[in-house]
Structure formats: C-alpha cells, structure tokens
Amino acid sequence: MVFFTSDPIEPGRAFEMVERKDTGSVLFHFAVAKARESEHGTTSRINYQRNGDVERNLEEIAGELKEKWNLTDVLLVRRQGTVEVGEIISLVAVSAPGSEAAFAACRYGLTCLKQMTTIQKTEFYS
C-alpha cells in the first residue's frame, strides 16, 4: 500500500494497516523533519510538492521491496504540503517472516524514498 498525503502520518493507524499474519517481524521507520543549520538560517519547515507520478514511483519501490526480500507486506507513505520541524515526513513499514529481511528492506526502502525525484522539497528558514 502507498500514500502521498497531506494528512499527518499516525503511527498507530499505520500499524493497523500492515499485514501481520504469518510474519515474525514488523518494522517501521518514521523520517522526521529536522532543524538544519545552513547559510540561510535554521530550517523551520519543509514543503513537499508533486513533481511527477508520485504514487507510481512509490508502487515501484514497494514492488521491488516485496520481490527482493519476499516480504509479507509493505506500506510506504510520503507527506505533501508543509511539514513543521519534528513532524513525520515519511514512513517505510515492512512485515516479513524474519527480522533480517525486514531490516534490510526497510533500510533500502528509506534510501529509495530519499532519492525520489517525483517530489520537490523546499526548505524554509527562521
């Protein structure tokens, strides 16, 4: 399952969305907007906007994860719109028969989300 949403990502709701039957491991990674120092100041918020077919991009990533690690389920969520520092930007959630596959898939999924070109990121500074 994949979502590109302006709604806040709710950890409890995400857990309920991931298939857990016949799995031994469910792993979640929540990326959070962080304050970053730069020559422009300190990041106060970040805006994420569509720059292509985000859902298709997320579906491709989810499919690759499921196939490569034989996962039971994958949930990928990316925020759109303005996200304040401290809020959840994205979620990679996987369920798998064992923890090694879950950790490897989650790490790879996070890398893929960071490299997405179908989302444009604009930082605002204080």
Protein backbone atom coordinates (compact mmCIF):
# COMPACT_ATOMS: atom_id res chain seq x y z
CA MET A 1 0.00 0.00 0.00
CA VAL A 2 1.27 3.51 -0.79
CA PHE A 3 0.07 7.01 0.04
CA PHE A 4 1.10 10.56 -0.85
CA THR A 5 -0.93 12.57 1.60
CA SER A 6 -1.31 15.98 3.20
CA ASP A 7 -2.65 14.29 6.35
CA PRO A 8 -0.29 13.72 9.29
CA ILE A 9 1.14 10.19 9.45
CA GLU A 10 -0.31 8.45 12.50
CA PRO A 11 1.90 5.62 13.86
CA GLY A 12 -0.96 3.67 15.47
CA ARG A 13 -3.05 3.76 12.31
CA ALA A 14 -0.03 2.70 10.25
CA PHE A 15 0.47 -0.38 12.44
CA GLU A 16 -3.13 -1.42 11.84
CA MET A 17 -2.65 -1.10 8.07
CA VAL A 18 0.29 -3.54 7.81
CA GLU A 19 -0.46 -7.24 7.31
CA ARG A 20 0.93 -9.17 10.27
CA LYS A 21 -0.47 -12.66 9.74
CA ASP A 22 2.24 -15.30 9.32
CA THR A 23 5.06 -12.83 9.96
CA GLY A 24 7.75 -12.78 12.61
CA SER A 25 8.84 -9.18 12.18
CA VAL A 26 7.15 -5.84 11.54
CA LEU A 27 9.48 -2.89 11.20
CA PHE A 28 8.67 0.82 10.91
CA HIS A 29 10.90 3.75 10.07
CA PHE A 30 9.46 7.23 10.51
CA ALA A 31 11.54 10.02 8.97
CA VAL A 32 11.09 13.28 10.88
CA ALA A 33 11.70 16.85 9.68
CA LYS A 34 14.75 18.20 11.46
CA ALA A 35 16.15 21.66 12.03
CA ARG A 36 19.24 22.03 9.88
CA GLU A 37 21.73 24.89 10.07
CA SER A 38 22.76 26.47 6.77
CA GLU A 39 23.90 29.81 5.40
CA HIS A 40 20.17 30.68 5.10
CA GLY A 41 19.44 30.08 8.80
CA THR A 42 17.81 27.19 10.64
CA THR A 43 15.17 25.04 8.95
CA SER A 44 11.75 25.85 10.41
CA ARG A 45 9.54 23.89 8.00
CA ILE A 46 9.71 21.97 4.74
CA ASN A 47 7.29 21.92 1.82
CA TYR A 48 6.89 18.80 -0.33
CA GLN A 49 5.12 19.02 -3.69
CA ARG A 50 4.36 16.62 -6.53
CA ASN A 51 6.88 16.67 -9.36
CA GLY A 52 5.58 13.71 -11.33
CA ASP A 53 3.68 10.48 -10.70
CA VAL A 54 4.46 10.02 -7.01
CA GLU A 55 2.07 7.10 -6.48
CA ARG A 56 3.55 5.15 -9.40
CA ASN A 57 7.05 5.81 -8.07
CA LEU A 58 6.01 4.57 -4.59
CA GLU A 59 4.31 1.48 -6.09
CA GLU A 60 7.50 0.61 -7.98
CA ILE A 61 9.55 0.89 -4.78
CA ALA A 62 7.04 -1.21 -2.83
CA GLY A 63 7.03 -3.88 -5.55
CA GLU A 64 10.80 -4.04 -5.61
CA LEU A 65 10.96 -4.41 -1.82
CA LYS A 66 8.35 -7.20 -1.75
CA GLU A 67 10.05 -9.12 -4.53
CA LYS A 68 13.66 -8.69 -3.40
CA TRP A 69 13.06 -9.64 0.25
CA ASN A 70 9.94 -11.82 -0.08
CA LEU A 71 8.02 -9.55 2.29
CA THR A 72 4.51 -10.19 3.55
CA ASP A 73 3.54 -6.53 3.24
CA VAL A 74 4.90 -3.04 2.52
CA LEU A 75 3.46 0.34 3.47
CA LEU A 76 5.06 3.50 2.08
CA VAL A 77 3.75 6.94 3.00
CA ARG A 78 5.09 10.34 1.96
CA ARG A 79 3.74 13.69 3.12
CA GLN A 80 2.88 16.53 0.80
CA GLY A 81 2.45 20.15 1.70
CA THR A 82 4.14 21.92 4.59
CA VAL A 83 5.67 19.85 7.38
CA GLU A 84 6.93 21.51 10.55
CA VAL A 85 10.21 20.52 12.22
CA GLY A 86 9.52 17.48 14.41
CA GLU A 87 6.66 16.15 12.27
CA ILE A 88 6.79 12.86 10.37
CA ILE A 89 7.79 13.26 6.72
CA SER A 90 7.62 9.65 5.57
CA LEU A 91 7.09 6.07 6.64
CA VAL A 92 8.59 2.82 5.46
CA ALA A 93 6.85 -0.15 7.06
CA VAL A 94 7.50 -3.78 6.21
CA SER A 95 6.39 -7.14 7.54
CA ALA A 96 8.42 -10.26 6.89
CA PRO A 97 8.90 -13.80 8.14
CA GLY A 98 12.18 -12.78 9.81
CA SER A 99 13.92 -9.69 11.11
CA GLU A 100 16.96 -9.74 8.79
CA ALA A 101 14.79 -9.31 5.70
CA ALA A 102 12.69 -6.66 7.44
CA PHE A 103 15.71 -4.57 8.43
CA ALA A 104 17.37 -4.85 5.02
CA ALA A 105 14.16 -3.99 3.16
CA CYS A 106 13.35 -1.07 5.45
CA ARG A 107 16.84 0.43 5.05
CA TYR A 108 16.70 0.05 1.27
CA GLY A 109 13.18 1.49 1.16
CA LEU A 110 14.33 4.54 3.10
CA THR A 111 17.18 5.07 0.64
CA CYS A 112 14.73 4.87 -2.26
CA LEU A 113 12.35 7.40 -0.67
CA LYS A 114 15.23 9.85 -0.19
CA GLN A 115 16.14 9.55 -3.88
CA MET A 116 12.64 10.15 -5.27
CA THR A 117 12.63 12.81 -7.99
CA THR A 118 8.83 12.87 -8.21
CA ILE A 119 8.68 15.01 -5.06
CA GLN A 120 10.08 18.53 -4.87
CA LYS A 121 11.40 19.67 -1.48
CA THR A 122 11.59 23.34 -0.46
CA GLU A 123 13.06 24.31 2.93
CA PHE A 124 12.04 27.44 4.84
CA TYR A 125 14.31 29.05 7.40
CA SER A 126 13.97 31.13 10.54
